[in-house]
Protein backbone atom coordinates (compact mmCIF):
# COMPACT_ATOMS: atom_id res chain seq x y z
CA MET A 1 -72.57 104.78 -76.85
CA LYS A 2 -76.15 104.32 -74.37
CA ASN A 3 -76.64 107.03 -71.88
CA TYR A 4 -75.69 106.37 -68.41
CA ILE A 5 -79.11 106.29 -67.36
CA GLU A 6 -80.12 103.61 -69.52
CA LEU A 7 -77.28 101.83 -68.47
CA LEU A 8 -77.84 102.12 -64.73
CA LYS A 9 -81.72 101.11 -65.27
CA GLN A 10 -80.52 98.25 -68.11
CA ASN A 11 -78.50 96.69 -65.75
CA ASN A 12 -80.74 96.77 -61.92
CA GLN A 13 -78.24 100.01 -60.72
CA GLU A 14 -80.65 102.99 -60.76
CA HIS A 15 -79.90 103.33 -57.29
CA LEU A 16 -76.80 105.09 -58.19
CA LEU A 17 -79.08 108.25 -59.52
CA ASN A 18 -79.79 109.09 -55.97
CA TYR A 19 -76.01 109.35 -55.45
CA ILE A 20 -75.40 111.54 -58.52
CA GLU A 21 -78.18 114.39 -57.68
CA LYS A 22 -75.89 114.99 -54.75
CA VAL A 23 -73.20 116.35 -55.88
CA ASP A 24 -71.74 119.56 -58.13
CA GLU A 25 -71.46 119.11 -62.06
CA ASN A 26 -67.33 118.26 -61.72
CA LYS A 27 -68.17 115.71 -59.35
CA LYS A 28 -71.18 114.54 -61.43
CA GLU A 29 -69.22 114.32 -64.84
CA ASP A 30 -66.59 111.85 -62.73
CA ILE A 31 -69.62 109.27 -61.66
CA ILE A 32 -70.74 108.96 -65.05
CA LYS A 33 -67.39 108.57 -66.48
CA GLN A 34 -67.37 105.77 -63.74
CA ILE A 35 -70.82 104.18 -65.11
CA GLU A 36 -69.79 104.31 -68.83
CA ASN A 37 -66.30 102.92 -68.25
CA LEU A 38 -67.76 99.79 -66.16
CA ASP A 39 -68.06 96.27 -67.84
CA PHE A 40 -71.85 95.45 -66.63
CA GLU A 41 -71.74 92.47 -68.37
CA GLN A 42 -69.35 91.29 -66.37
CA LEU A 43 -70.40 92.44 -63.50
CA LYS A 44 -73.64 89.89 -64.06
CA LEU A 45 -71.37 87.04 -64.46
CA LEU A 46 -69.16 87.93 -61.50
CA TYR A 47 -71.87 88.11 -59.19
CA GLU A 48 -73.30 84.82 -60.49
CA THR A 49 -70.11 82.99 -58.44
CA SER A 50 -70.72 84.86 -55.33
CA ASN A 51 -70.78 82.66 -52.45
CA ARG A 52 -70.81 79.26 -54.40
CA GLU A 53 -70.39 76.63 -52.56
CA THR A 54 -66.65 75.74 -52.21
CA ASP A 55 -67.48 71.69 -53.18
CA LYS A 56 -68.78 72.31 -56.30
CA ALA A 57 -65.98 74.38 -57.24
CA ILE A 58 -63.96 70.91 -58.20
CA GLN A 59 -66.66 68.94 -58.80
CA GLY A 60 -66.35 67.22 -62.18
CA ILE A 61 -62.29 67.61 -62.29
CA ILE A 62 -59.65 65.08 -62.15
CA ILE A 63 -56.92 65.66 -59.86
CA GLU A 64 -53.77 64.25 -59.53
CA HIS A 65 -50.44 64.27 -57.64
CA ILE A 66 -48.02 66.30 -59.89
CA PRO A 67 -44.19 65.50 -59.88
CA PHE A 68 -41.97 67.82 -57.92
CA VAL A 69 -37.58 67.97 -57.94
CA ASP A 70 -36.30 67.72 -53.91
CA LYS A 71 -33.67 70.45 -54.25
CA TYR A 72 -31.62 68.69 -51.24
CA LYS A 73 -31.80 65.35 -52.77
CA LEU A 74 -30.27 66.06 -56.32
CA GLU A 75 -27.00 64.76 -57.08
CA GLU A 76 -24.02 66.93 -56.59
CA THR A 77 -23.55 66.56 -60.70
CA LYS A 78 -26.53 67.37 -61.29
CA TYR A 79 -26.97 70.32 -58.78
CA LYS A 80 -23.73 72.26 -60.51
CA GLU A 81 -25.24 71.61 -63.67
CA LEU A 82 -28.61 73.64 -62.70
CA GLU A 83 -26.85 76.05 -61.04
CA ASP A 84 -24.31 77.05 -64.08
CA ILE A 85 -27.42 77.07 -66.25
CA GLY A 86 -29.33 78.99 -63.95
CA ASN A 87 -26.36 81.71 -62.77
CA SER A 88 -25.29 81.86 -66.83
CA VAL A 89 -29.06 83.59 -67.45
CA ILE A 90 -28.63 85.60 -64.66
CA LYS A 91 -25.25 86.96 -65.27
CA ASN A 92 -25.97 87.52 -68.79
CA GLY A 93 -28.96 90.17 -67.92
CA GLU A 94 -31.58 87.73 -68.77
CA TYR A 95 -33.47 88.16 -65.49
CA ALA A 96 -35.56 90.20 -63.84
CA VAL A 97 -37.69 90.06 -61.16
CA VAL A 98 -40.88 91.38 -59.58
CA THR A 99 -42.55 92.37 -56.26
CA MET A 100 -46.27 91.90 -55.78
CA ALA A 101 -46.47 94.44 -53.08
CA GLY A 102 -50.52 95.98 -53.44
CA GLY A 103 -51.57 95.06 -50.12
CA GLN A 104 -51.61 97.38 -47.12
CA GLY A 105 -50.52 96.16 -43.34
CA THR A 106 -53.66 96.95 -42.20
CA ARG A 107 -53.54 92.86 -40.48
CA LEU A 108 -50.38 93.79 -38.81
CA GLY A 109 -51.17 97.00 -36.99
CA HIS A 110 -49.34 98.87 -39.41
CA ASN A 111 -50.77 101.97 -41.30
CA GLY A 112 -49.75 101.67 -44.76
CA PRO A 113 -48.26 99.66 -47.67
CA LYS A 114 -47.30 96.15 -46.26
CA GLY A 115 -43.41 96.84 -47.80
CA THR A 116 -43.35 99.53 -45.57
CA PHE A 117 -43.71 97.60 -42.84
CA LYS A 118 -40.47 97.31 -40.49
CA LEU A 119 -39.36 93.80 -39.32
CA ASN A 120 -37.51 93.68 -35.76
CA ILE A 121 -34.51 91.35 -36.89
CA LYS A 122 -31.19 91.26 -35.83
CA PRO A 123 -28.76 93.11 -35.91
CA GLU A 124 -30.94 96.01 -37.00
CA ALA A 125 -34.62 96.20 -37.79
CA LYS A 126 -35.47 96.40 -41.12
CA TYR A 127 -38.49 96.95 -43.98
CA LEU A 128 -39.58 94.27 -45.69
CA PHE A 129 -38.87 96.41 -48.88
CA GLN A 130 -35.57 96.64 -47.83
CA ILE A 131 -34.69 93.32 -46.93
CA ILE A 132 -35.74 92.69 -50.81
CA ALA A 133 -33.78 95.21 -52.02
CA GLU A 134 -30.62 94.25 -50.35
CA ASN A 135 -31.02 91.02 -51.49
CA LEU A 136 -30.97 91.86 -54.78
CA GLN A 137 -27.80 93.72 -54.31
CA ARG A 138 -26.16 90.68 -52.99
CA VAL A 139 -27.14 89.16 -56.72
CA ASN A 140 -26.01 92.66 -58.20
CA GLN A 141 -22.73 92.67 -56.87
CA LYS A 142 -21.99 88.71 -57.33
CA PHE A 143 -22.58 88.76 -61.28
CA ASN A 144 -21.66 92.49 -61.59
CA ILE A 145 -25.04 93.14 -62.91
CA VAL A 146 -27.99 95.43 -62.03
CA LEU A 147 -31.34 93.41 -62.15
CA PRO A 148 -34.58 95.20 -62.99
CA TRP A 149 -36.95 95.38 -60.57
CA TYR A 150 -40.57 96.02 -61.00
CA ILE A 151 -43.33 96.60 -57.94
CA MET A 152 -46.35 96.23 -58.55
CA THR A 153 -48.60 98.37 -56.08
CA SER A 154 -52.16 98.89 -56.17
CA THR A 155 -54.46 102.34 -56.44
CA GLU A 156 -54.82 102.59 -52.87
CA ASN A 157 -50.94 102.29 -51.94
CA ASN A 158 -48.86 103.39 -55.20
CA GLN A 159 -48.69 107.01 -53.98
CA LYS A 160 -47.42 106.39 -50.81
CA THR A 161 -45.25 102.75 -51.86
CA VAL A 162 -43.28 105.55 -54.57
CA GLU A 163 -42.36 108.20 -52.00
CA PHE A 164 -41.62 105.66 -49.33
CA PHE A 165 -38.63 104.72 -51.63
CA GLU A 166 -38.09 108.10 -52.78
CA GLU A 167 -37.42 109.26 -48.86
CA HIS A 168 -35.42 106.16 -48.08
CA ASN A 169 -33.07 106.69 -51.56
CA PHE A 170 -34.56 103.23 -52.98
CA PHE A 171 -32.34 101.48 -50.44
CA GLY A 172 -29.48 102.37 -52.60
CA TYR A 173 -30.64 100.12 -55.22
CA PRO A 174 -30.31 102.24 -59.19
CA LYS A 175 -33.67 104.06 -59.16
CA GLU A 176 -33.60 103.87 -63.47
CA ASN A 177 -34.02 100.08 -62.46
CA VAL A 178 -36.80 99.86 -60.57
CA ARG A 179 -40.38 100.54 -62.18
CA PHE A 180 -43.58 100.46 -60.16
CA PHE A 181 -46.91 99.58 -61.89
CA ASN A 182 -50.87 99.18 -60.29
CA GLN A 183 -52.56 96.19 -60.10
CA GLY A 184 -56.52 96.11 -61.92
CA ASN A 185 -59.60 96.74 -59.67
CA LEU A 186 -63.01 95.62 -59.58
CA PRO A 187 -66.01 97.01 -58.36
CA LEU A 188 -67.79 95.39 -54.93
CA LEU A 189 -70.95 94.10 -54.91
CA ASP A 190 -73.35 93.80 -52.31
CA GLU A 191 -75.32 90.91 -51.53
CA ASP A 192 -78.49 91.59 -53.70
CA GLY A 193 -75.82 92.41 -56.65
CA LYS A 194 -75.85 96.32 -56.26
CA LEU A 195 -72.62 98.47 -56.86
CA LEU A 196 -71.59 100.65 -53.50
CA VAL A 197 -70.57 104.09 -53.43
CA ASP A 198 -67.90 105.44 -50.58
CA GLU A 199 -67.64 108.64 -48.90
CA ASN A 200 -66.04 110.41 -51.84
CA TYR A 201 -69.33 109.55 -53.81
CA ASP A 202 -66.93 106.81 -56.04
CA ILE A 203 -68.00 103.40 -57.23
CA LYS A 204 -66.40 101.56 -54.40
CA ILE A 205 -62.99 99.36 -55.98
CA ALA A 206 -60.53 96.45 -54.80
CA SER A 207 -57.71 95.33 -55.81
CA ASP A 208 -58.65 92.64 -58.25
CA GLY A 209 -56.20 89.90 -56.97
CA ASN A 210 -52.59 88.95 -57.86
CA GLY A 211 -53.64 87.13 -60.79
CA SER A 212 -54.40 90.50 -62.64
CA ILE A 213 -50.77 90.71 -62.88
CA TYR A 214 -50.54 89.25 -66.13
CA LYS A 215 -52.51 91.44 -67.83
CA SER A 216 -51.05 94.49 -65.26
CA MET A 217 -47.85 93.66 -66.85
CA LYS A 218 -49.15 93.84 -70.32
CA LYS A 219 -51.39 96.91 -70.14
CA GLU A 220 -48.45 99.12 -67.74
CA GLY A 221 -46.17 98.56 -70.19
CA ILE A 222 -44.26 96.14 -67.99
CA LEU A 223 -43.74 93.50 -70.57
CA GLU A 224 -42.29 95.67 -73.23
CA ASP A 225 -39.80 97.05 -71.69
CA MET A 226 -38.58 94.00 -70.50
CA LYS A 227 -38.40 92.66 -73.89
CA LYS A 228 -36.51 95.76 -74.77
CA ARG A 229 -33.96 95.47 -71.88
CA GLY A 230 -33.21 91.40 -73.29
CA VAL A 231 -34.98 89.75 -70.68
CA LYS A 232 -35.68 86.14 -71.04
CA TRP A 233 -36.91 85.19 -67.57
CA ILE A 234 -38.79 86.21 -64.68
CA PHE A 235 -39.49 85.48 -60.98
CA ILE A 236 -42.53 86.91 -59.52
CA GLY A 237 -42.60 86.83 -55.37
CA ALA A 238 -44.79 88.27 -52.81
CA VAL A 239 -43.10 91.40 -50.33
CA ASP A 240 -44.26 89.75 -47.37
CA ASN A 241 -41.66 86.74 -47.55
CA ALA A 242 -38.78 87.25 -45.27
CA LEU A 243 -36.87 84.75 -46.84
CA LEU A 244 -37.82 85.13 -49.94
CA ASN A 245 -34.71 83.97 -52.35
CA MET A 246 -35.73 85.81 -56.23
CA CYS A 247 -32.31 84.31 -57.51
CA ASP A 248 -32.34 80.84 -57.11
CA PRO A 249 -30.27 79.28 -59.89
CA ILE A 250 -31.42 76.15 -59.50
CA LEU A 251 -35.47 76.75 -59.69
CA LEU A 252 -33.78 78.44 -63.28
CA GLY A 253 -31.89 75.72 -63.91
CA LEU A 254 -34.51 73.17 -63.71
CA THR A 255 -37.29 75.58 -65.43
CA ILE A 256 -34.67 75.56 -68.66
CA ASP A 257 -33.40 71.56 -68.30
CA GLU A 258 -36.90 69.95 -68.39
CA GLY A 259 -38.13 72.25 -70.61
CA ASN A 260 -40.67 74.31 -69.32
CA LYS A 261 -41.99 77.65 -69.25
CA VAL A 262 -42.96 77.86 -65.72
CA GLY A 263 -41.04 76.75 -62.64
CA SER A 264 -42.16 77.43 -59.19
CA LYS A 265 -40.48 76.57 -55.69
CA SER A 266 -42.58 74.57 -52.96
CA VAL A 267 -41.96 73.66 -49.30
CA VAL A 268 -43.87 70.21 -47.77
CA LYS A 269 -47.15 70.96 -45.79
CA ALA A 270 -45.92 71.27 -42.53
CA ASN A 271 -49.33 68.13 -41.74
CA PRO A 272 -51.85 67.19 -44.03
CA HIS A 273 -54.46 69.92 -43.07
CA GLU A 274 -52.01 72.72 -42.83
CA ARG A 275 -54.13 75.47 -44.34
CA VAL A 276 -52.35 76.26 -47.36
CA GLY A 277 -52.91 76.01 -51.03
CA VAL A 278 -50.99 72.69 -52.58
CA PHE A 279 -49.64 71.85 -56.38
CA CYS A 280 -51.71 69.31 -58.04
CA LYS A 281 -52.49 68.39 -61.89
CA LYS A 282 -56.41 69.12 -62.64
CA ASP A 283 -57.59 67.67 -65.30
CA SER A 284 -54.08 66.88 -66.57
CA LYS A 285 -52.97 70.41 -66.31
CA PRO A 286 -50.98 71.94 -63.66
CA ALA A 287 -52.48 73.78 -61.05
CA VAL A 288 -53.25 74.83 -57.36
CA ILE A 289 -55.67 73.68 -55.38
CA GLU A 290 -56.74 75.82 -52.19
CA TYR A 291 -57.45 73.62 -48.67
CA THR A 292 -61.10 74.31 -48.69
CA GLU A 293 -61.38 72.11 -51.61
CA LEU A 294 -58.97 69.32 -50.76
CA PRO A 295 -61.44 66.45 -49.91
CA GLU A 296 -59.59 65.39 -46.07
CA SER A 297 -58.91 61.71 -47.82
CA MET A 298 -56.63 63.15 -50.62
CA ALA A 299 -55.30 65.61 -47.87
CA GLU A 300 -53.70 63.06 -45.80
CA GLU A 301 -52.64 60.46 -49.29
CA ILE A 302 -49.51 59.43 -49.00
CA ASP A 303 -47.04 57.47 -51.97
CA GLU A 304 -45.16 54.28 -51.32
CA GLU A 305 -41.93 56.61 -49.52
CA GLY A 306 -44.54 58.08 -47.19
CA GLU A 307 -44.62 61.80 -48.56
CA LEU A 308 -48.11 63.58 -49.05
CA LEU A 309 -49.37 62.85 -52.51
CA PHE A 310 -50.63 67.00 -52.20
CA GLY A 311 -48.20 68.07 -50.33
CA GLU A 312 -46.27 70.76 -52.08
CA SER A 313 -47.32 73.69 -50.76
CA HIS A 314 -47.46 77.06 -53.17
CA ILE A 315 -45.61 79.47 -51.66
CA MET A 316 -46.06 82.55 -54.37
CA CYS A 317 -42.19 81.82 -55.94
CA ASN A 318 -43.25 81.54 -59.30
CA LEU A 319 -40.51 82.01 -62.31
CA TYR A 320 -41.86 81.98 -65.79
CA CYS A 321 -39.93 82.50 -69.48
CA LEU A 322 -41.40 86.23 -70.75
CA ASP A 323 -43.57 83.94 -73.75
CA ALA A 324 -45.14 82.62 -71.18
CA LEU A 325 -46.14 86.26 -69.19
CA GLU A 326 -47.44 87.21 -72.51
CA LYS A 327 -49.33 84.14 -73.17
CA ILE A 328 -51.35 83.79 -69.30
CA ALA A 329 -51.49 88.08 -70.25
CA GLU A 330 -53.87 87.78 -73.25
CA GLN A 331 -56.00 85.02 -71.30
CA ASN A 332 -58.95 85.63 -68.78
CA LEU A 333 -58.30 84.14 -65.65
CA PRO A 334 -61.60 83.16 -63.13
CA TYR A 335 -62.44 85.54 -60.59
CA HIS A 336 -63.52 83.93 -57.35
CA SER A 337 -65.50 86.19 -54.79
CA ALA A 338 -64.93 86.63 -51.06
CA HIS A 339 -67.48 87.52 -48.60
CA LYS A 340 -65.99 91.00 -47.04
CA LYS A 341 -67.31 93.52 -45.14
CA ALA A 342 -67.24 96.32 -46.88
CA ASN A 343 -68.05 100.07 -44.97
CA TYR A 344 -70.02 102.20 -47.77
CA MET A 345 -72.18 105.31 -48.10
CA ASP A 346 -76.01 105.24 -48.26
CA GLU A 347 -78.55 107.30 -50.37
CA ASN A 348 -79.08 109.54 -47.90
CA GLY A 349 -75.17 110.21 -47.45
CA ASN A 350 -74.19 108.14 -44.44
CA VAL A 351 -71.60 106.29 -43.64
CA VAL A 352 -72.27 103.06 -42.99
CA VAL A 353 -69.56 100.78 -40.80
CA ALA A 354 -70.04 96.82 -41.67
CA LYS A 355 -69.99 94.85 -39.03
CA GLU A 356 -70.33 91.63 -40.59
CA PRO A 357 -70.02 90.60 -44.34
CA ASN A 358 -71.66 92.38 -46.83
CA ALA A 359 -70.11 92.16 -49.80
CA TYR A 360 -68.18 90.50 -52.38
CA LYS A 361 -64.83 91.28 -53.77
CA TYR A 362 -64.18 89.39 -56.40
CA GLU A 363 -59.89 88.53 -57.36
CA ALA A 364 -58.02 86.42 -59.82
CA PHE A 365 -55.42 84.30 -58.03
CA ILE A 366 -52.02 84.02 -59.96
CA PHE A 367 -51.83 79.99 -60.29
CA ASP A 368 -54.67 79.88 -62.36
CA GLY A 369 -51.92 80.73 -64.76
CA PHE A 370 -50.48 77.53 -64.36
CA ASN A 371 -53.12 75.47 -66.53
CA TYR A 372 -52.36 77.45 -69.59
CA PHE A 373 -49.36 74.69 -69.85
CA ASP A 374 -48.98 71.26 -69.98
CA ASN A 375 -46.57 70.81 -67.25
CA ILE A 376 -44.37 73.14 -64.85
CA SER A 377 -41.34 73.05 -62.68
CA ILE A 378 -41.43 72.16 -59.57
CA LEU A 379 -38.47 72.65 -56.98
CA ARG A 380 -38.70 72.04 -53.12
CA GLY A 381 -37.45 73.97 -51.03
CA ARG A 382 -36.91 74.43 -47.15
CA ARG A 383 -39.51 76.08 -44.73
CA GLU A 384 -36.82 77.45 -42.62
CA GLU A 385 -34.63 78.63 -45.88
CA ASP A 386 -37.33 79.70 -48.51
CA PHE A 387 -40.32 81.02 -46.27
CA ALA A 388 -41.04 83.16 -43.49
CA PRO A 389 -44.34 84.64 -44.48
CA ILE A 390 -46.01 87.81 -42.59
CA LYS A 391 -49.78 87.13 -42.76
CA ASN A 392 -51.26 87.61 -38.91
CA ALA A 393 -50.20 90.20 -36.39
CA GLU A 394 -49.81 87.48 -33.97
CA GLY A 395 -49.14 83.69 -33.31
CA VAL A 396 -48.64 81.56 -36.96
CA ASP A 397 -46.91 83.47 -39.74
CA SER A 398 -46.49 86.59 -37.84
CA PRO A 399 -43.70 88.91 -37.63
CA ALA A 400 -42.20 86.81 -34.65
CA THR A 401 -41.94 83.83 -36.85
CA ALA A 402 -40.63 85.62 -39.54
CA ILE A 403 -37.98 87.44 -37.50
CA GLU A 404 -37.22 83.67 -35.55
CA LEU A 405 -36.13 82.32 -38.85
CA TYR A 406 -34.51 85.02 -40.40
CA ASN A 407 -32.14 85.67 -37.53
CA LYS A 408 -31.60 81.67 -37.75
CA TYR A 409 -31.20 81.40 -41.27
CA TRP A 410 -28.30 84.30 -41.57
CA LYS A 411 -27.33 82.96 -38.48
CA LEU A 412 -27.75 86.18 -36.29
CA GLU A 413 -29.40 84.75 -32.75
CA GLU A 414 -25.90 85.82 -31.00
CA CYS A 415 -26.03 89.04 -32.62
């Protein structure tokens, strides 16, 4: 194995030597180990994607409409048929749920993991984790089962998340059926492709996006645990949707009935220019295209019934058979770069607080796993029943809008 000094010099990262000179022997060994574990070839490729113009991201790609099924336009007999298929899988113990909860509540003004944010719903305020736990308990009671519940955390919030669950006695959920696992990390790079160092003299890293969930589930033994439990179908959803239905038998039944290995729920865009990713086909494969990549003419295009051709929003409600997760876990999903503000420590030991974007963060997206399949099932739900996201402190997709949607769904306006 190459000496760490050689590695740094060959990869234009020798500035890290200045930090190593300033620390004691124990810390020096720690930093060297971090350097030796870096994939410099990957970092080089990632930096080459930084700040790529979005209009080039779809250059030469054929984008087409993708079919979907409207849950509320199904004939009664078909609805019942799909419901029976889905319920059969759930009650036979072949179903599990995964909650993506690696984020912090910073944008909400909350100091802690996002799942520990308390939503002031009626008749009493509840934590986001608590809302999900209670929803899963309803399913458990209905079918006299206990759903395996897997929670993806991050290096940043794992300890606080686990402690939070222990402090609240897992909200009554059987502890032996809850398992936490970490998503992956990648180093940040500055605008010159240099590695950054944080105030603890560690190479500065950040979570590498929700698309890292596939490899993380394999690496952390989650897929193997599911196999041992006899799980065949897995729902993956985000912690910050107050109306998240993690056990919709219609989505499950539809995906099985259509012979697909992946399914997803959508809601129709509020307007052609809503800032959401939408389902489509890219070069004949299922995909999600970001609103920044979708040409205006296509965003406004409608079919003969007046429906938007590209109107199905991806709302992070995704379903997979176990085989599909194992297949995607073997792939290297593309990373997307984001220009971010990142505080760091300079070579003199001074912490620099970034006031403007100064670094690149690299993230894989969960929906990039879809294009390893010829087709996926898409079930259109309703925003007022399926989607109450909490992304912003105020305005659109904020706690206020989520509270209103939650209370209306559960008919709690007068409570």
